Protein backbone atom coordinates (compact mmCIF):
# COMPACT_ATOMS: atom_id res chain seq x y z
CA UNK A 1 129.82 88.66 189.28
CA UNK A 2 128.95 92.20 188.23
CA UNK A 3 128.82 93.14 184.56
CA UNK A 4 129.46 96.65 183.22
CA UNK A 5 126.49 97.66 181.08
CA UNK A 6 126.79 101.40 180.33
CA UNK A 7 128.40 104.72 181.11
CA UNK A 8 126.42 107.96 181.18
CA UNK A 9 127.36 111.43 180.03
CA UNK A 10 125.25 114.59 180.01
CA UNK A 11 125.05 116.27 176.63
CA UNK A 12 123.60 119.55 175.45
CA UNK A 13 122.28 118.64 171.99
CA UNK A 14 120.99 115.14 171.30
CA UNK A 15 121.26 115.18 167.50
CA UNK A 16 124.81 116.54 167.52
CA UNK A 17 125.97 113.90 170.01
CA UNK A 18 124.20 111.02 168.25
CA UNK A 19 125.80 112.07 164.97
CA UNK A 20 129.28 112.27 166.54
CA UNK A 21 129.11 108.83 168.20
CA UNK A 22 127.68 107.30 165.03
CA UNK A 23 130.41 108.76 162.80
CA UNK A 24 133.23 108.10 165.22
CA UNK A 25 132.37 104.67 166.62
CA UNK A 26 129.44 103.26 164.68
CA UNK A 27 127.19 103.56 167.73
CA UNK A 28 123.50 103.67 166.91
CA UNK A 29 120.44 104.30 169.03
CA UNK A 30 119.46 101.09 170.81
CA UNK A 31 116.67 102.76 172.79
CA UNK A 32 115.43 106.24 173.51
CA UNK A 33 113.26 107.24 176.46
CA UNK A 34 111.66 110.69 176.44
CA UNK A 35 110.49 112.17 179.76
CA UNK A 36 109.07 115.60 180.64
CA UNK A 37 112.36 117.15 181.73
CA UNK A 38 115.01 114.89 180.17
CA UNK A 39 115.68 112.29 177.49
CA UNK A 40 117.83 109.15 177.79
CA UNK A 41 119.45 107.83 174.62
CA UNK A 42 121.28 104.48 174.73
CA UNK A 43 123.91 103.94 172.02
CA UNK A 44 125.70 100.73 171.08
CA UNK A 45 127.16 98.79 168.16
CA UNK A 46 127.54 95.12 167.21
CA UNK A 47 131.02 94.88 168.81
CA UNK A 48 129.68 94.73 172.38
CA UNK A 49 126.54 95.18 174.42
CA UNK A 50 128.16 97.91 176.57
CA UNK A 51 126.32 101.15 175.95
CA UNK A 52 126.93 104.88 176.09
CA UNK A 53 123.95 106.57 177.72
CA UNK A 54 123.37 110.17 176.68
CA UNK A 55 121.31 112.22 179.14
CA UNK A 56 119.79 115.35 177.64
CA UNK A 57 118.27 117.70 180.23
CA UNK A 58 115.66 119.69 178.34
CA UNK A 59 116.01 122.93 180.32
CA UNK A 60 119.79 123.09 179.87
CA UNK A 61 121.11 125.84 177.59
CA UNK A 62 124.80 125.93 178.61
CA UNK A 63 127.42 123.24 178.27
CA UNK A 64 128.39 121.18 181.30
CA UNK A 65 131.46 121.89 183.41
CA UNK A 66 133.44 118.66 183.24
CA UNK A 67 135.60 119.73 186.17
CA UNK A 68 138.80 117.87 186.91
CA UNK A 69 137.24 114.52 187.77
CA UNK A 70 136.32 113.17 184.32
CA UNK A 71 138.98 110.99 182.71
CA UNK A 72 137.91 109.44 179.42
CA UNK A 73 135.95 106.76 177.63
CA UNK A 74 138.00 104.28 175.58
CA UNK A 75 137.36 102.21 172.45
CA UNK A 76 139.73 99.77 170.77
CA UNK A 77 140.14 99.20 167.03
CA UNK A 78 142.07 96.80 164.81
CA UNK A 79 143.86 99.33 162.60
CA UNK A 80 144.64 102.53 164.47
CA UNK A 81 146.26 104.33 161.53
CA UNK A 82 143.22 103.70 159.31
CA UNK A 83 140.83 104.87 162.03
CA UNK A 84 142.90 108.00 162.62
CA UNK A 85 142.75 108.79 158.89
CA UNK A 86 138.98 108.13 158.87
CA UNK A 87 138.47 110.47 161.84
CA UNK A 88 140.42 113.16 159.97
CA UNK A 89 138.33 112.62 156.83
CA UNK A 90 135.11 112.87 158.89
CA UNK A 91 136.30 116.19 160.34
CA UNK A 92 136.39 114.82 163.90
CA UNK A 93 139.76 116.46 164.71
CA UNK A 94 141.66 113.54 166.23
CA UNK A 95 144.81 114.31 168.17
CA UNK A 96 148.13 112.81 167.02
CA UNK A 97 148.80 109.09 167.48
CA UNK A 98 150.94 108.37 170.53
CA UNK A 99 152.90 105.30 171.57
CA UNK A 100 153.25 104.31 175.22
CA UNK A 101 156.24 102.18 176.25
CA UNK A 102 157.29 100.59 179.52
CA UNK A 103 160.79 99.17 179.93
CA UNK A 104 161.23 99.35 176.16
CA UNK A 105 158.08 97.33 175.44
CA UNK A 106 155.12 98.81 173.55
CA UNK A 107 152.16 98.98 175.91
CA UNK A 108 149.74 100.91 173.72
CA UNK A 109 149.23 102.93 170.53
CA UNK A 110 146.40 105.43 170.78
CA UNK A 111 144.94 108.82 169.98
CA UNK A 112 142.32 111.01 171.60
CA UNK A 113 139.32 112.81 170.17
CA UNK A 114 136.94 115.20 171.93
CA UNK A 115 133.18 114.92 171.50
CA UNK A 116 130.90 117.96 170.98
CA UNK A 117 130.41 118.38 174.75
CA UNK A 118 134.10 118.25 175.62
CA UNK A 119 134.38 114.61 176.69
CA UNK A 120 137.75 113.10 175.80
CA UNK A 121 137.70 109.68 174.17
CA UNK A 122 140.71 107.42 173.74
CA UNK A 123 140.99 105.15 170.71
CA UNK A 124 143.48 102.32 171.28
CA UNK A 125 144.84 99.79 168.83
CA UNK A 126 143.97 96.22 169.85
CA UNK A 127 147.15 95.03 171.52
CA UNK A 128 148.09 93.43 174.82
CA UNK A 129 145.47 94.12 177.45
CA UNK A 130 143.42 96.38 175.14
CA UNK A 131 141.14 93.97 173.34
């Protein structure tokens, strides 16, 4: 059976992105590989071994065009309201908390935040299928 191990995004500034993912999700550098034309930075935390891979192309000076194909990365948390308040305090500009219902039943509570390169990230409260 296959196991998901990481997702990769291209970022413009390594330090800015590492700081954002550390503040927002407690992700820290697990490994960093520096090559002539690019750097790979693998981020993770103690919650799971799934990683976010940041690819920094050294000759890039303009942000990436995310197009209309990128959806979002998602994290789940125990206390959504507390995390939302923490994001606000950290100056991470979270969007408002939303609730998603189907047939009158709560499916999910969540909010979105956008990282420094424009990637949208969903933060869901642990509930139902989001564990």
